[in-house]
Amino acid sequence: MDPMIAEVVITNPHGLHARPAAVMVEKLKAFDAEVRIEAGQKTANAVSIMSVLALGAGPGDTARVHSEGPQAEAALEAVVAILTEEE
């Protein structure tokens, strides 16, 4: 199965800092999918909060989300929703 990819501009006013990153990691635990996020020159395993925080992605940055597995589409949608949440 080919990976699903979405490119999004982060509109969450906090970017990928502690709270949104923690919410994302928790939500992704429910999916049978492997998800990676690329921002700038860095790539993170989306279920590792330290990896996600190390991206340093902020509002206005572009992120590419890669998702593979049986629940790839649902996992991808969950990540995109968090990255674009405008609170």
PDB file of N, CA and C in Angstrom:
ATOM      1  N   MET A   1       0.846  -1.184   0.000  1.00  0.00           N
ATOM      2  CA  MET A   1       0.000   0.000   0.000  1.00  0.00           C
ATOM      3  C   MET A   1       0.890   1.245   0.000  1.00  0.00           C
ATOM      4  N   ASP A   2       0.590   2.183  -0.878  1.00  0.00           N
ATOM      5  CA  ASP A   2       1.359   3.418  -0.963  1.00  0.00           C
ATOM      6  C   ASP A   2       1.057   4.318   0.228  1.00  0.00           C
ATOM      7  N   PRO A   3       2.066   5.066   0.667  1.00  0.00           N
ATOM      8  CA  PRO A   3       1.816   5.987   1.776  1.00  0.00           C
ATOM      9  C   PRO A   3       0.906   7.130   1.335  1.00  0.00           C
ATOM     10  N   MET A   4       0.157   7.639   2.275  1.00  0.00           N
ATOM     11  CA  MET A   4      -0.665   8.827   2.024  1.00  0.00           C
ATOM     12  C   MET A   4       0.160  10.019   2.493  1.00  0.00           C
ATOM     13  N   ILE A   5       0.104  11.103   1.731  1.00  0.00           N
ATOM     14  CA  ILE A   5       0.902  12.286   2.058  1.00  0.00           C
ATOM     15  C   ILE A   5       0.022  13.525   1.984  1.00  0.00           C
ATOM     16  N   ALA A   6       0.176  14.392   2.969  1.00  0.00           N
ATOM     17  CA  ALA A   6      -0.515  15.685   2.952  1.00  0.00           C
ATOM     18  C   ALA A   6       0.502  16.765   3.287  1.00  0.00           C
ATOM     19  N   GLU A   7       0.414  17.870   2.586  1.00  0.00           N
ATOM     20  CA  GLU A   7       1.266  19.012   2.889  1.00  0.00           C
ATOM     21  C   GLU A   7       0.365  20.098   3.445  1.00  0.00           C
ATOM     22  N   VAL A   8       0.675  20.563   4.634  1.00  0.00           N
ATOM     23  CA  VAL A   8      -0.185  21.552   5.290  1.00  0.00           C
ATOM     24  C   VAL A   8       0.639  22.695   5.869  1.00  0.00           C
ATOM     25  N   VAL A   9       0.020  23.858   5.919  1.00  0.00           N
ATOM     26  CA  VAL A   9       0.611  24.991   6.618  1.00  0.00           C
ATOM     27  C   VAL A   9       0.064  24.944   8.036  1.00  0.00           C
ATOM     28  N   ILE A  10       0.954  24.973   8.999  1.00  0.00           N
ATOM     29  CA  ILE A  10       0.543  24.901  10.404  1.00  0.00           C
ATOM     30  C   ILE A  10      -0.136  26.210  10.784  1.00  0.00           C
ATOM     31  N   THR A  11      -1.415  26.122  11.121  1.00  0.00           N
ATOM     32  CA  THR A  11      -2.165  27.313  11.528  1.00  0.00           C
ATOM     33  C   THR A  11      -2.483  27.303  13.018  1.00  0.00           C
ATOM     34  N   ASN A  12      -2.162  26.188  13.688  1.00  0.00           N
ATOM     35  CA  ASN A  12      -2.342  26.144  15.138  1.00  0.00           C
ATOM     36  C   ASN A  12      -1.460  27.245  15.724  1.00  0.00           C
ATOM     37  N   PRO A  13      -2.020  28.162  16.515  1.00  0.00           N
ATOM     38  CA  PRO A  13      -1.237  29.295  17.011  1.00  0.00           C
ATOM     39  C   PRO A  13      -0.049  28.903  17.889  1.00  0.00           C
ATOM     40  N   HIS A  14      -0.034  27.686  18.382  1.00  0.00           N
ATOM     41  CA  HIS A  14       1.076  27.224  19.213  1.00  0.00           C
ATOM     42  C   HIS A  14       2.081  26.408  18.416  1.00  0.00           C
ATOM     43  N   GLY A  15       1.790  26.163  17.141  1.00  0.00           N
ATOM     44  CA  GLY A  15       2.666  25.312  16.343  1.00  0.00           C
ATOM     45  C   GLY A  15       2.651  23.907  16.923  1.00  0.00           C
ATOM     46  N   LEU A  16       3.757  23.227  16.803  1.00  0.00           N
ATOM     47  CA  LEU A  16       3.856  21.863  17.348  1.00  0.00           C
ATOM     48  C   LEU A  16       4.588  21.897  18.681  1.00  0.00           C
ATOM     49  N   HIS A  17       4.054  22.650  19.616  1.00  0.00           N
ATOM     50  CA  HIS A  17       4.651  22.709  20.942  1.00  0.00           C
ATOM     51  C   HIS A  17       3.986  21.685  21.848  1.00  0.00           C
ATOM     52  N   ALA A  18       4.275  21.727  23.128  1.00  0.00           N
ATOM     53  CA  ALA A  18       3.927  20.654  24.065  1.00  0.00           C
ATOM     54  C   ALA A  18       2.470  20.187  24.029  1.00  0.00           C
ATOM     55  N   ARG A  19       1.509  21.097  24.168  1.00  0.00           N
ATOM     56  CA  ARG A  19       0.121  20.652  24.248  1.00  0.00           C
ATOM     57  C   ARG A  19      -0.380  20.024  22.952  1.00  0.00           C
ATOM     58  N   PRO A  20      -0.272  20.711  21.801  1.00  0.00           N
ATOM     59  CA  PRO A  20      -0.760  20.064  20.580  1.00  0.00           C
ATOM     60  C   PRO A  20       0.020  18.797  20.230  1.00  0.00           C
ATOM     61  N   ALA A  21       1.304  18.773  20.534  1.00  0.00           N
ATOM     62  CA  ALA A  21       2.096  17.568  20.260  1.00  0.00           C
ATOM     63  C   ALA A  21       1.616  16.409  21.126  1.00  0.00           C
ATOM     64  N   ALA A  22       1.335  16.679  22.397  1.00  0.00           N
ATOM     65  CA  ALA A  22       0.858  15.623  23.298  1.00  0.00           C
ATOM     66  C   ALA A  22      -0.505  15.103  22.857  1.00  0.00           C
ATOM     67  N   VAL A  23      -1.388  16.003  22.436  1.00  0.00           N
ATOM     68  CA  VAL A  23      -2.709  15.596  21.949  1.00  0.00           C
ATOM     69  C   VAL A  23      -2.555  14.705  20.718  1.00  0.00           C
ATOM     70  N   MET A  24      -1.683  15.101  19.801  1.00  0.00           N
ATOM     71  CA  MET A  24      -1.475  14.333  18.580  1.00  0.00           C
ATOM     72  C   MET A  24      -0.935  12.939  18.889  1.00  0.00           C
ATOM     73  N   VAL A  25       0.078  12.852  19.731  1.00  0.00           N
ATOM     74  CA  VAL A  25       0.671  11.559  20.086  1.00  0.00           C
ATOM     75  C   VAL A  25      -0.387  10.649  20.701  1.00  0.00           C
ATOM     76  N   GLU A  26      -1.205  11.186  21.600  1.00  0.00           N
ATOM     77  CA  GLU A  26      -2.258  10.382  22.244  1.00  0.00           C
ATOM     78  C   GLU A  26      -3.271   9.883  21.225  1.00  0.00           C
ATOM     79  N   LYS A  27      -3.722  10.758  20.327  1.00  0.00           N
ATOM     80  CA  LYS A  27      -4.709  10.360  19.316  1.00  0.00           C
ATOM     81  C   LYS A  27      -4.154   9.291  18.384  1.00  0.00           C
ATOM     82  N   LEU A  28      -2.892   9.413  18.007  1.00  0.00           N
ATOM     83  CA  LEU A  28      -2.316   8.472  17.046  1.00  0.00           C
ATOM     84  C   LEU A  28      -2.149   7.070  17.616  1.00  0.00           C
ATOM     85  N   LYS A  29      -2.104   6.938  18.924  1.00  0.00           N
ATOM     86  CA  LYS A  29      -1.985   5.611  19.538  1.00  0.00           C
ATOM     87  C   LYS A  29      -3.180   4.725  19.203  1.00  0.00           C
ATOM     88  N   ALA A  30      -4.307   5.338  18.839  1.00  0.00           N
ATOM     89  CA  ALA A  30      -5.527   4.584  18.539  1.00  0.00           C
ATOM     90  C   ALA A  30      -5.552   4.030  17.114  1.00  0.00           C
ATOM     91  N   PHE A  31      -4.611   4.454  16.275  1.00  0.00           N
ATOM     92  CA  PHE A  31      -4.628   4.051  14.870  1.00  0.00           C
ATOM     93  C   PHE A  31      -3.561   3.016  14.552  1.00  0.00           C
ATOM     94  N   ASP A  32      -3.896   2.109  13.650  1.00  0.00           N
ATOM     95  CA  ASP A  32      -2.936   1.140  13.130  1.00  0.00           C
ATOM     96  C   ASP A  32      -2.297   1.771  11.896  1.00  0.00           C
ATOM     97  N   ALA A  33      -1.362   2.682  12.152  1.00  0.00           N
ATOM     98  CA  ALA A  33      -0.698   3.408  11.074  1.00  0.00           C
ATOM     99  C   ALA A  33       0.644   3.923  11.574  1.00  0.00           C
ATOM    100  N   GLU A  34       1.574   4.059  10.648  1.00  0.00           N
ATOM    101  CA  GLU A  34       2.872   4.651  10.950  1.00  0.00           C
ATOM    102  C   GLU A  34       2.866   6.044  10.339  1.00  0.00           C
ATOM    103  N   VAL A  35       3.099   7.057  11.172  1.00  0.00           N
ATOM    104  CA  VAL A  35       2.994   8.440  10.714  1.00  0.00           C
ATOM    105  C   VAL A  35       4.304   9.176  10.978  1.00  0.00           C
ATOM    106  N   ARG A  36       4.765   9.894   9.953  1.00  0.00           N
ATOM    107  CA  ARG A  36       5.955  10.733  10.062  1.00  0.00           C
ATOM    108  C   ARG A  36       5.582  12.159   9.666  1.00  0.00           C
ATOM    109  N   ILE A  37       6.276  13.109  10.273  1.00  0.00           N
ATOM    110  CA  ILE A  37       6.072  14.518   9.936  1.00  0.00           C
ATOM    111  C   ILE A  37       7.421  15.105   9.547  1.00  0.00           C
ATOM    112  N   GLU A  38       7.450  15.797   8.421  1.00  0.00           N
ATOM    113  CA  GLU A  38       8.650  16.504   7.981  1.00  0.00           C
ATOM    114  C   GLU A  38       8.382  17.999   8.089  1.00  0.00           C
ATOM    115  N   ALA A  39       9.333  18.707   8.659  1.00  0.00           N
ATOM    116  CA  ALA A  39       9.254  20.167   8.717  1.00  0.00           C
ATOM    117  C   ALA A  39      10.674  20.687   8.555  1.00  0.00           C
ATOM    118  N   GLY A  40      10.874  21.512   7.560  1.00  0.00           N
ATOM    119  CA  GLY A  40      12.229  21.969   7.273  1.00  0.00           C
ATOM    120  C   GLY A  40      13.079  20.780   6.859  1.00  0.00           C
ATOM    121  N   GLN A  41      14.217  20.634   7.467  1.00  0.00           N
ATOM    122  CA  GLN A  41      15.136  19.538   7.154  1.00  0.00           C
ATOM    123  C   GLN A  41      15.003  18.367   8.122  1.00  0.00           C
ATOM    124  N   LYS A  42      14.022  18.427   9.008  1.00  0.00           N
ATOM    125  CA  LYS A  42      13.876  17.397  10.039  1.00  0.00           C
ATOM    126  C   LYS A  42      12.669  16.504   9.788  1.00  0.00           C
ATOM    127  N   THR A  43      12.771  15.256  10.264  1.00  0.00           N
ATOM    128  CA  THR A  43      11.669  14.301  10.183  1.00  0.00           C
ATOM    129  C   THR A  43      11.425  13.735  11.572  1.00  0.00           C
ATOM    130  N   ALA A  44      10.152  13.597  11.939  1.00  0.00           N
ATOM    131  CA  ALA A  44       9.797  13.083  13.262  1.00  0.00           C
ATOM    132  C   ALA A  44       8.845  11.905  13.154  1.00  0.00           C
ATOM    133  N   ASN A  45       9.025  10.952  14.069  1.00  0.00           N
ATOM    134  CA  ASN A  45       8.048   9.890  14.269  1.00  0.00           C
ATOM    135  C   ASN A  45       6.907  10.554  15.042  1.00  0.00           C
ATOM    136  N   ALA A  46       5.714  10.569  14.468  1.00  0.00           N
ATOM    137  CA  ALA A  46       4.610  11.331  15.056  1.00  0.00           C
ATOM    138  C   ALA A  46       4.079  10.769  16.368  1.00  0.00           C
ATOM    139  N   VAL A  47       4.500   9.577  16.779  1.00  0.00           N
ATOM    140  CA  VAL A  47       4.061   9.054  18.073  1.00  0.00           C
ATOM    141  C   VAL A  47       5.137   9.210  19.146  1.00  0.00           C
ATOM    142  N   SER A  48       6.186   9.958  18.832  1.00  0.00           N
ATOM    143  CA  SER A  48       7.235  10.255  19.803  1.00  0.00           C
ATOM    144  C   SER A  48       7.190  11.748  20.107  1.00  0.00           C
ATOM    145  N   ILE A  49       6.744  12.096  21.309  1.00  0.00           N
ATOM    146  CA  ILE A  49       6.597  13.520  21.631  1.00  0.00           C
ATOM    147  C   ILE A  49       7.936  14.248  21.541  1.00  0.00           C
ATOM    148  N   MET A  50       9.015  13.621  21.943  1.00  0.00           N
ATOM    149  CA  MET A  50      10.325  14.275  21.871  1.00  0.00           C
ATOM    150  C   MET A  50      10.730  14.520  20.422  1.00  0.00           C
ATOM    151  N   SER A  51      10.449  13.558  19.572  1.00  0.00           N
ATOM    152  CA  SER A  51      10.753  13.688  18.150  1.00  0.00           C
ATOM    153  C   SER A  51       9.939  14.822  17.528  1.00  0.00           C
ATOM    154  N   VAL A  52       8.662  14.892  17.872  1.00  0.00           N
ATOM    155  CA  VAL A  52       7.780  15.935  17.337  1.00  0.00           C
ATOM    156  C   VAL A  52       8.227  17.310  17.830  1.00  0.00           C
ATOM    157  N   LEU A  53       8.533  17.432  19.112  1.00  0.00           N
ATOM    158  CA  LEU A  53       8.968  18.718  19.657  1.00  0.00           C
ATOM    159  C   LEU A  53      10.290  19.167  19.045  1.00  0.00           C
ATOM    160  N   ALA A  54      11.159  18.215  18.713  1.00  0.00           N
ATOM    161  CA  ALA A  54      12.461  18.537  18.123  1.00  0.00           C
ATOM    162  C   ALA A  54      12.330  19.160  16.732  1.00  0.00           C
ATOM    163  N   LEU A  55      11.179  18.995  16.095  1.00  0.00           N
ATOM    164  CA  LEU A  55      10.975  19.629  14.789  1.00  0.00           C
ATOM    165  C   LEU A  55      11.027  21.149  14.905  1.00  0.00           C
ATOM    166  N   GLY A  56      10.561  21.670  16.035  1.00  0.00           N
ATOM    167  CA  GLY A  56      10.533  23.119  16.226  1.00  0.00           C
ATOM    168  C   GLY A  56       9.601  23.830  15.259  1.00  0.00           C
ATOM    169  N   ALA A  57       8.572  23.136  14.784  1.00  0.00           N
ATOM    170  CA  ALA A  57       7.653  23.709  13.799  1.00  0.00           C
ATOM    171  C   ALA A  57       6.684  24.679  14.458  1.00  0.00           C
ATOM    172  N   GLY A  58       6.574  25.853  13.875  1.00  0.00           N
ATOM    173  CA  GLY A  58       5.697  26.865  14.433  1.00  0.00           C
ATOM    174  C   GLY A  58       4.608  27.290  13.471  1.00  0.00           C
ATOM    175  N   PRO A  59       3.763  28.210  13.915  1.00  0.00           N
ATOM    176  CA  PRO A  59       2.685  28.701  13.057  1.00  0.00           C
ATOM    177  C   PRO A  59       3.261  29.282  11.765  1.00  0.00           C
ATOM    178  N   GLY A  60       2.636  28.941  10.646  1.00  0.00           N
ATOM    179  CA  GLY A  60       3.089  29.426   9.348  1.00  0.00           C
ATOM    180  C   GLY A  60       4.077  28.508   8.656  1.00  0.00           C
ATOM    181  N   ASP A  61       4.658  27.569   9.398  1.00  0.00           N
ATOM    182  CA  ASP A  61       5.583  26.607   8.791  1.00  0.00           C
ATOM    183  C   ASP A  61       4.795  25.576   7.987  1.00  0.00           C
ATOM    184  N   THR A  62       5.435  25.016   6.974  1.00  0.00           N
ATOM    185  CA  THR A  62       4.817  23.961   6.179  1.00  0.00           C
ATOM    186  C   THR A  62       5.314  22.613   6.674  1.00  0.00           C
ATOM    187  N   ALA A  63       4.397  21.680   6.816  1.00  0.00           N
ATOM    188  CA  ALA A  63       4.743  20.319   7.243  1.00  0.00           C
ATOM    189  C   ALA A  63       4.196  19.329   6.220  1.00  0.00           C
ATOM    190  N   ARG A  64       4.963  18.264   5.985  1.00  0.00           N
ATOM    191  CA  ARG A  64       4.495  17.154   5.150  1.00  0.00           C
ATOM    192  C   ARG A  64       4.246  15.984   6.086  1.00  0.00           C
ATOM    193  N   VAL A  65       3.047  15.439   6.007  1.00  0.00           N
ATOM    194  CA  VAL A  65       2.657  14.325   6.861  1.00  0.00           C
ATOM    195  C   VAL A  65       2.558  13.077   5.993  1.00  0.00           C
ATOM    196  N   HIS A  66       3.292  12.031   6.381  1.00  0.00           N
ATOM    197  CA  HIS A  66       3.287  10.749   5.668  1.00  0.00           C
ATOM    198  C   HIS A  66       2.623   9.724   6.572  1.00  0.00           C
ATOM    199  N   SER A  67       1.692   8.969   6.041  1.00  0.00           N
ATOM    200  CA  SER A  67       0.985   7.965   6.834  1.00  0.00           C
ATOM    201  C   SER A  67       0.868   6.672   6.039  1.00  0.00           C
ATOM    202  N   GLU A  68       1.209   5.550   6.691  1.00  0.00           N
ATOM    203  CA  GLU A  68       1.122   4.234   6.059  1.00  0.00           C
ATOM    204  C   GLU A  68       0.452   3.261   7.010  1.00  0.00           C
ATOM    205  N   GLY A  69      -0.259   2.295   6.450  1.00  0.00           N
ATOM    206  CA  GLY A  69      -0.873   1.252   7.255  1.00  0.00           C
ATOM    207  C   GLY A  69      -2.360   1.157   7.014  1.00  0.00           C
ATOM    208  N   PRO A  70      -3.002   0.180   7.667  1.00  0.00           N
ATOM    209  CA  PRO A  70      -4.433  -0.058   7.465  1.00  0.00           C
ATOM    210  C   PRO A  70      -5.319   1.147   7.780  1.00  0.00           C
ATOM    211  N   GLN A  71      -4.914   1.973   8.732  1.00  0.00           N
ATOM    212  CA  GLN A  71      -5.718   3.142   9.108  1.00  0.00           C
ATOM    213  C   GLN A  71      -5.005   4.446   8.749  1.00  0.00           C
ATOM    214  N   ALA A  72      -4.245   4.407   7.665  1.00  0.00           N
ATOM    215  CA  ALA A  72      -3.443   5.562   7.257  1.00  0.00           C
ATOM    216  C   ALA A  72      -4.280   6.813   7.021  1.00  0.00           C
ATOM    217  N   GLU A  73      -5.410   6.657   6.351  1.00  0.00           N
ATOM    218  CA  GLU A  73      -6.224   7.828   6.023  1.00  0.00           C
ATOM    219  C   GLU A  73      -6.766   8.504   7.277  1.00  0.00           C
ATOM    220  N   ALA A  74      -7.289   7.733   8.209  1.00  0.00           N
ATOM    221  CA  ALA A  74      -7.834   8.304   9.445  1.00  0.00           C
ATOM    222  C   ALA A  74      -6.736   8.959  10.278  1.00  0.00           C
ATOM    223  N   ALA A  75      -5.570   8.329  10.342  1.00  0.00           N
ATOM    224  CA  ALA A  75      -4.453   8.896  11.097  1.00  0.00           C
ATOM    225  C   ALA A  75      -3.990  10.203  10.465  1.00  0.00           C
ATOM    226  N   LEU A  76      -3.896  10.228   9.147  1.00  0.00           N
ATOM    227  CA  LEU A  76      -3.492  11.436   8.432  1.00  0.00           C
ATOM    228  C   LEU A  76      -4.478  12.571   8.705  1.00  0.00           C
ATOM    229  N   GLU A  77      -5.759  12.273   8.637  1.00  0.00           N
ATOM    230  CA  GLU A  77      -6.788  13.286   8.904  1.00  0.00           C
ATOM    231  C   GLU A  77      -6.684  13.828  10.327  1.00  0.00           C
ATOM    232  N   ALA A  78      -6.386  12.961  11.289  1.00  0.00           N
ATOM    233  CA  ALA A  78      -6.257  13.393  12.686  1.00  0.00           C
ATOM    234  C   ALA A  78      -5.088  14.361  12.854  1.00  0.00           C
ATOM    235  N   VAL A  79      -3.958  14.051  12.222  1.00  0.00           N
ATOM    236  CA  VAL A  79      -2.783  14.920  12.329  1.00  0.00           C
ATOM    237  C   VAL A  79      -3.049  16.261  11.653  1.00  0.00           C
ATOM    238  N   VAL A  80      -3.601  16.232  10.460  1.00  0.00           N
ATOM    239  CA  VAL A  80      -3.897  17.478   9.742  1.00  0.00           C
ATOM    240  C   VAL A  80      -4.849  18.348  10.563  1.00  0.00           C
ATOM    241  N   ALA A  81      -5.843  17.753  11.197  1.00  0.00           N
ATOM    242  CA  ALA A  81      -6.791  18.515  12.017  1.00  0.00           C
ATOM    243  C   ALA A  81      -6.081  19.225  13.170  1.00  0.00           C
ATOM    244  N   ILE A  82      -5.134  18.560  13.793  1.00  0.00           N
ATOM    245  CA  ILE A  82      -4.405  19.170  14.913  1.00  0.00           C
ATOM    246  C   ILE A  82      -3.495  20.291  14.421  1.00  0.00           C
ATOM    247  N   LEU A  83      -2.807  20.066  13.309  1.00  0.00           N
ATOM    248  CA  LEU A  83      -1.886  21.078  12.781  1.00  0.00           C
ATOM    249  C   LEU A  83      -2.609  22.335  12.305  1.00  0.00           C
ATOM    250  N   THR A  84      -3.847  22.174  11.888  1.00  0.00           N
ATOM    251  CA  THR A  84      -4.584  23.315  11.338  1.00  0.00           C
ATOM    252  C   THR A  84      -5.659  23.853  12.286  1.00  0.00           C
ATOM    253  N   GLU A  85      -5.700  23.307  13.499  1.00  0.00           N
ATOM    254  CA  GLU A  85      -6.665  23.785  14.497  1.00  0.00           C
ATOM    255  C   GLU A  85      -6.322  25.227  14.865  1.00  0.00           C
ATOM    256  N   GLU A  86      -7.305  26.088  14.837  1.00  0.00           N
ATOM    257  CA  GLU A  86      -7.038  27.500  15.123  1.00  0.00           C
ATOM    258  C   GLU A  86      -7.518  27.932  16.497  1.00  0.00           C
ATOM    259  N   GLU A  87      -7.918  26.971  17.309  1.00  0.00           N
ATOM    260  CA  GLU A  87      -8.380  27.204  18.687  1.00  0.00           C
ATOM    261  C   GLU A  87      -9.267  28.397  18.755  1.00  0.00           C
TER     262      GLU A  87
END
